[in-house]
Amino acid sequence: MLVFFRFAGCPACNIALPYYNAHLAPQLAALGATLVGVSPQVPEKLRAIKECHALSFRIATDAGNALARRFGVIYEFDEPSRRLSLETGTPIGDVTGTGTWELPMPAVVMIDQKGIVQFADVSPDWLVCTEPHAIIDAVRDINLRTAA
């Protein structure tokens, strides 16, 4: 189970990932599924979120947003958003260490052992993440289908 998130300092990510750690990771493990958080942020900057929240699941860097791009869950800052970012703080490419204006949308992608996507949920709103019960239900459904 891949959970795409923006970056370590993202306020929404700092709520969602610890919530997933408490309410999703143990249930997925019990069902035989692996949870991996995925962000374009470079490893040395990404380490902070894992350590800050003592996340029990793996956090991985998606270099150049290659995986997010492959799944079609990338968005690029529009011109007004770029201007605002430059006026109020640091460009997102400096925050992530990627040098780009691209971030993944909040997304969950479940890939089975054959490499086939069995479940996906993507939100264009960076404040909306998939609820753990929906993910757990999808895993249970897939486990039932493959057992039959």
C-alpha atoms as a PDB file:
ATOM      1  CA  MET A   1       0.000   0.000   0.000  1.00  0.00           C
ATOM      2  CA  LEU A   2       1.572   3.244  -1.142  1.00  0.00           C
ATOM      3  CA  VAL A   3       0.501   6.478   0.522  1.00  0.00           C
ATOM      4  CA  PHE A   4       1.672   9.490  -1.456  1.00  0.00           C
ATOM      5  CA  PHE A   5       2.229  12.636   0.598  1.00  0.00           C
ATOM      6  CA  ARG A   6       3.714  16.065  -0.011  1.00  0.00           C
ATOM      7  CA  PHE A   7       6.668  16.687   2.315  1.00  0.00           C
ATOM      8  CA  ALA A   8       7.797  16.489   5.963  1.00  0.00           C
ATOM      9  CA  GLY A   9       6.726  20.025   6.892  1.00  0.00           C
ATOM     10  CA  CYS A  10       3.243  19.778   5.343  1.00  0.00           C
ATOM     11  CA  PRO A  11       0.609  20.434   8.036  1.00  0.00           C
ATOM     12  CA  ALA A  12      -1.881  17.949   6.555  1.00  0.00           C
ATOM     13  CA  CYS A  13       0.790  15.255   6.208  1.00  0.00           C
ATOM     14  CA  ASN A  14       1.780  15.747   9.850  1.00  0.00           C
ATOM     15  CA  ILE A  15      -1.784  14.875  10.802  1.00  0.00           C
ATOM     16  CA  ALA A  16      -2.447  12.114   8.265  1.00  0.00           C
ATOM     17  CA  LEU A  17       0.731  10.055   8.644  1.00  0.00           C
ATOM     18  CA  PRO A  18       0.588   9.655  12.445  1.00  0.00           C
ATOM     19  CA  TYR A  19      -3.116   8.861  12.090  1.00  0.00           C
ATOM     20  CA  TYR A  20      -2.283   6.173   9.520  1.00  0.00           C
ATOM     21  CA  ASN A  21       0.430   4.904  11.859  1.00  0.00           C
ATOM     22  CA  ALA A  22      -2.105   4.392  14.646  1.00  0.00           C
ATOM     23  CA  HIS A  23      -5.220   3.411  12.689  1.00  0.00           C
ATOM     24  CA  LEU A  24      -3.958   1.764   9.503  1.00  0.00           C
ATOM     25  CA  ALA A  25      -0.445   0.298   9.736  1.00  0.00           C
ATOM     26  CA  PRO A  26      -1.235  -2.341  12.405  1.00  0.00           C
ATOM     27  CA  GLN A  27      -4.396  -3.516  10.614  1.00  0.00           C
ATOM     28  CA  LEU A  28      -2.592  -3.719   7.268  1.00  0.00           C
ATOM     29  CA  ALA A  29       0.210  -5.736   8.834  1.00  0.00           C
ATOM     30  CA  ALA A  30      -2.361  -8.131  10.327  1.00  0.00           C
ATOM     31  CA  LEU A  31      -3.849  -8.549   6.832  1.00  0.00           C
ATOM     32  CA  GLY A  32      -0.427  -9.228   5.305  1.00  0.00           C
ATOM     33  CA  ALA A  33      -0.091  -5.865   3.545  1.00  0.00           C
ATOM     34  CA  THR A  34       2.839  -3.468   3.747  1.00  0.00           C
ATOM     35  CA  LEU A  35       2.387   0.286   4.147  1.00  0.00           C
ATOM     36  CA  VAL A  36       4.896   2.685   2.590  1.00  0.00           C
ATOM     37  CA  GLY A  37       4.699   6.485   2.708  1.00  0.00           C
ATOM     38  CA  VAL A  38       6.031   8.062  -0.496  1.00  0.00           C
ATOM     39  CA  SER A  39       7.147  11.676  -0.995  1.00  0.00           C
ATOM     40  CA  PRO A  40       9.312  13.475  -3.550  1.00  0.00           C
ATOM     41  CA  GLN A  41      11.244  15.114  -0.719  1.00  0.00           C
ATOM     42  CA  VAL A  42      14.924  14.219  -0.595  1.00  0.00           C
ATOM     43  CA  PRO A  43      15.828  11.650   2.100  1.00  0.00           C
ATOM     44  CA  GLU A  44      17.826  13.986   4.318  1.00  0.00           C
ATOM     45  CA  LYS A  45      14.805  16.314   4.595  1.00  0.00           C
ATOM     46  CA  LEU A  46      12.212  13.529   4.707  1.00  0.00           C
ATOM     47  CA  ARG A  47      13.770  11.792   7.695  1.00  0.00           C
ATOM     48  CA  ALA A  48      12.267  14.424  10.023  1.00  0.00           C
ATOM     49  CA  ILE A  49       8.651  13.272   9.679  1.00  0.00           C
ATOM     50  CA  LYS A  50       9.470   9.634  10.389  1.00  0.00           C
ATOM     51  CA  GLU A  51      11.492  10.508  13.464  1.00  0.00           C
ATOM     52  CA  CYS A  52       9.114  13.212  14.752  1.00  0.00           C
ATOM     53  CA  HIS A  53       6.124  10.850  14.785  1.00  0.00           C
ATOM     54  CA  ALA A  54       7.991   7.565  15.372  1.00  0.00           C
ATOM     55  CA  LEU A  55       6.290   6.096  12.311  1.00  0.00           C
ATOM     56  CA  SER A  56       6.360   2.307  12.257  1.00  0.00           C
ATOM     57  CA  PHE A  57       6.090   2.069   8.475  1.00  0.00           C
ATOM     58  CA  ARG A  58       8.686   2.826   5.826  1.00  0.00           C
ATOM     59  CA  ILE A  59       8.984   6.321   4.357  1.00  0.00           C
ATOM     60  CA  ALA A  60      10.498   6.415   0.874  1.00  0.00           C
ATOM     61  CA  THR A  61      11.700   9.126  -1.472  1.00  0.00           C
ATOM     62  CA  ASP A  62      10.149   9.214  -4.923  1.00  0.00           C
ATOM     63  CA  ALA A  63      13.085  10.810  -6.738  1.00  0.00           C
ATOM     64  CA  GLY A  64      11.866  13.277  -9.329  1.00  0.00           C
ATOM     65  CA  ASN A  65       8.260  12.259  -8.609  1.00  0.00           C
ATOM     66  CA  ALA A  66       8.813   9.380 -11.044  1.00  0.00           C
ATOM     67  CA  LEU A  67       6.403   6.982  -9.348  1.00  0.00           C
ATOM     68  CA  ALA A  68       3.756   9.634  -8.667  1.00  0.00           C
ATOM     69  CA  ARG A  69       4.011  10.755 -12.280  1.00  0.00           C
ATOM     70  CA  ARG A  70       3.601   7.152 -13.453  1.00  0.00           C
ATOM     71  CA  PHE A  71       0.395   6.873 -11.414  1.00  0.00           C
ATOM     72  CA  GLY A  72      -0.814  10.277 -12.604  1.00  0.00           C
ATOM     73  CA  VAL A  73      -1.059  11.830  -9.142  1.00  0.00           C
ATOM     74  CA  ILE A  74       1.198  14.862  -9.731  1.00  0.00           C
ATOM     75  CA  TYR A  75       0.175  18.483  -9.808  1.00  0.00           C
ATOM     76  CA  GLU A  76       2.266  21.532 -10.563  1.00  0.00           C
ATOM     77  CA  PHE A  77       1.869  24.888  -8.856  1.00  0.00           C
ATOM     78  CA  ASP A  78       0.060  27.362 -11.101  1.00  0.00           C
ATOM     79  CA  GLU A  79       1.479  30.864 -11.590  1.00  0.00           C
ATOM     80  CA  PRO A  80      -0.546  32.557  -8.782  1.00  0.00           C
ATOM     81  CA  SER A  81       0.488  29.792  -6.365  1.00  0.00           C
ATOM     82  CA  ARG A  82       4.124  30.180  -7.386  1.00  0.00           C
ATOM     83  CA  ARG A  83       4.002  33.932  -6.804  1.00  0.00           C
ATOM     84  CA  LEU A  84       2.387  33.473  -3.389  1.00  0.00           C
ATOM     85  CA  SER A  85       4.945  30.850  -2.428  1.00  0.00           C
ATOM     86  CA  LEU A  86       7.793  33.156  -3.430  1.00  0.00           C
ATOM     87  CA  GLU A  87       6.268  36.127  -1.591  1.00  0.00           C
ATOM     88  CA  THR A  88       5.444  34.307   1.635  1.00  0.00           C
ATOM     89  CA  GLY A  89       8.208  31.812   2.029  1.00  0.00           C
ATOM     90  CA  THR A  90      10.430  29.340   0.334  1.00  0.00           C
ATOM     91  CA  PRO A  91       9.684  27.854  -3.105  1.00  0.00           C
ATOM     92  CA  ILE A  92       8.355  24.323  -2.743  1.00  0.00           C
ATOM     93  CA  GLY A  93      11.275  22.960  -4.762  1.00  0.00           C
ATOM     94  CA  ASP A  94      13.624  24.261  -2.072  1.00  0.00           C
ATOM     95  CA  VAL A  95      11.454  22.754   0.674  1.00  0.00           C
ATOM     96  CA  THR A  96      11.416  19.333  -0.950  1.00  0.00           C
ATOM     97  CA  GLY A  97      14.943  19.561  -2.306  1.00  0.00           C
ATOM     98  CA  THR A  98      13.705  18.726  -5.814  1.00  0.00           C
ATOM     99  CA  GLY A  99      13.981  22.203  -7.343  1.00  0.00           C
ATOM    100  CA  THR A 100      10.572  21.784  -9.020  1.00  0.00           C
ATOM    101  CA  TRP A 101       7.054  23.097  -8.484  1.00  0.00           C
ATOM    102  CA  GLU A 102       5.580  19.578  -8.488  1.00  0.00           C
ATOM    103  CA  LEU A 103       3.983  17.698  -5.619  1.00  0.00           C
ATOM    104  CA  PRO A 104       1.893  14.545  -5.436  1.00  0.00           C
ATOM    105  CA  MET A 105      -1.783  14.797  -4.606  1.00  0.00           C
ATOM    106  CA  PRO A 106      -2.820  12.851  -1.514  1.00  0.00           C
ATOM    107  CA  ALA A 107      -3.199   9.359  -2.922  1.00  0.00           C
ATOM    108  CA  VAL A 108      -3.360   5.742  -1.846  1.00  0.00           C
ATOM    109  CA  VAL A 109      -2.432   3.026  -4.330  1.00  0.00           C
ATOM    110  CA  MET A 110      -2.617  -0.654  -3.490  1.00  0.00           C
ATOM    111  CA  ILE A 111      -0.537  -2.961  -5.641  1.00  0.00           C
ATOM    112  CA  ASP A 112      -0.920  -6.720  -5.373  1.00  0.00           C
ATOM    113  CA  GLN A 113       1.902  -9.254  -5.408  1.00  0.00           C
ATOM    114  CA  LYS A 114       1.626  -9.502  -9.201  1.00  0.00           C
ATOM    115  CA  GLY A 115       2.228  -5.762  -9.572  1.00  0.00           C
ATOM    116  CA  ILE A 116      -1.373  -4.952 -10.485  1.00  0.00           C
ATOM    117  CA  VAL A 117      -3.091  -1.911  -8.995  1.00  0.00           C
ATOM    118  CA  GLN A 118      -6.088  -3.226  -7.083  1.00  0.00           C
ATOM    119  CA  PHE A 119      -7.226  -0.028  -5.360  1.00  0.00           C
ATOM    120  CA  ALA A 120      -6.536   3.659  -5.812  1.00  0.00           C
ATOM    121  CA  ASP A 121      -7.942   6.797  -4.259  1.00  0.00           C
ATOM    122  CA  VAL A 122      -6.685  10.274  -5.167  1.00  0.00           C
ATOM    123  CA  SER A 123      -7.755  13.679  -3.897  1.00  0.00           C
ATOM    124  CA  PRO A 124      -7.040  16.932  -5.714  1.00  0.00           C
ATOM    125  CA  ASP A 125      -7.464  18.667  -2.339  1.00  0.00           C
ATOM    126  CA  TRP A 126      -4.241  18.458  -0.306  1.00  0.00           C
ATOM    127  CA  LEU A 127      -6.307  18.498   2.900  1.00  0.00           C
ATOM    128  CA  VAL A 128      -8.295  15.346   2.062  1.00  0.00           C
ATOM    129  CA  CYS A 129      -6.810  11.904   2.628  1.00  0.00           C
ATOM    130  CA  THR A 130      -8.291   8.433   2.260  1.00  0.00           C
ATOM    131  CA  GLU A 131      -9.846   7.137   5.470  1.00  0.00           C
ATOM    132  CA  PRO A 132      -8.208   4.027   6.958  1.00  0.00           C
ATOM    133  CA  HIS A 133     -11.466   2.024   6.949  1.00  0.00           C
ATOM    134  CA  ALA A 134     -11.744   2.403   3.152  1.00  0.00           C
ATOM    135  CA  ILE A 135      -8.213   1.086   2.713  1.00  0.00           C
ATOM    136  CA  ILE A 136      -8.729  -1.812   5.121  1.00  0.00           C
ATOM    137  CA  ASP A 137     -12.021  -2.725   3.406  1.00  0.00           C
ATOM    138  CA  ALA A 138     -10.243  -2.749   0.027  1.00  0.00           C
ATOM    139  CA  VAL A 139      -7.482  -5.020   1.329  1.00  0.00           C
ATOM    140  CA  ARG A 140     -10.028  -7.407   2.862  1.00  0.00           C
ATOM    141  CA  ASP A 141     -11.997  -7.468  -0.390  1.00  0.00           C
ATOM    142  CA  ILE A 142      -8.876  -8.233  -2.416  1.00  0.00           C
ATOM    143  CA  ASN A 143      -7.802 -10.916   0.045  1.00  0.00           C
ATOM    144  CA  LEU A 144     -11.253 -12.543  -0.306  1.00  0.00           C
ATOM    145  CA  ARG A 145     -11.118 -12.410  -4.112  1.00  0.00           C
ATOM    146  CA  THR A 146      -7.635 -13.911  -4.291  1.00  0.00           C
ATOM    147  CA  ALA A 147      -8.523 -16.644  -1.786  1.00  0.00           C
ATOM    148  CA  ALA A 148     -11.540 -17.716  -3.870  1.00  0.00           C
END
